[in-house]
Amino acid sequence: MPVATFLDHGHSLEEAAEAIRLGASSVMFDGSALPYEENVRQTREIVRMAHAMGVAVEAELGSIAGSAVELGNAPPAPEAYFTDPALAAEFVRRTDVDVLAISFGNVHGPYRGEPRLDLERVRAIHTLVEIPLAMHGGSGLADALYPSIVASGISKLGYYTAMGMDAVAALRHQLCQAEPATLAYHHVIGAMVRYFRDEAKRVFALAGCVGKATP
């Protein structure tokens, strides 16, 4: 089975170069907090370096709120900070980036209340650009949303927060059900491996990506 190693949310040419040196098969440069022209300039520089090494690059345009590390229930960025479709097309043309992460109501970390995803915006961007679109903050949504998200044009789905938090609940269940005298470290690790395996397979099926990996 093909395995990808990925630098998520890199912030400099140096970070991207180090990740590639260590064997990353793709890298991300997140210049979304920079002024637009500076984001273009730095992304283009990293793309040139990475492509010379045969490595793909993901970039981000628009503001995606929250953090998958701090888990602070951040509200989504205001709509004014969502990715502009026309600007996305220009950004892709000027940078030659391989994948574009976009903002359309998605957040890193847990969602606060009912998510309001602007899938019409995703469709508009998908119509204007010819590269895969990435969604960060793809976990914790209703199962019924995933086919619609994919159909709107999302090709790469970031999925961790809900799975990481639910894994703790699975671990607690394992610890409570076991006899302390017979519980060993490998039992705990085995339970975690099974949980992540089964949850990943479930999400793959929801997103319609089962059996599509190629060497």
Foldseek 3Di string as FASTA:
>chain_A
DDDAAEAPADDALVVLVVCVVVPGQEYEHEPQVPPPVVQLVRLLVSCVVQVVVNHAYEYEHFDAADAQPVQDQDFGDPPVRWHQQVVLLVSCVSRVHAEYETGFQAHHHEHDPATDGDLVRLLSNQVRDDHAYEYHRQPPHDLVCQCVNVVSGHDHYHYDRVLVVVLVVQLVVQVVPDDVVPDDPVSSVVSSVVSVVVVVVVVCVSNVNPPPDDD
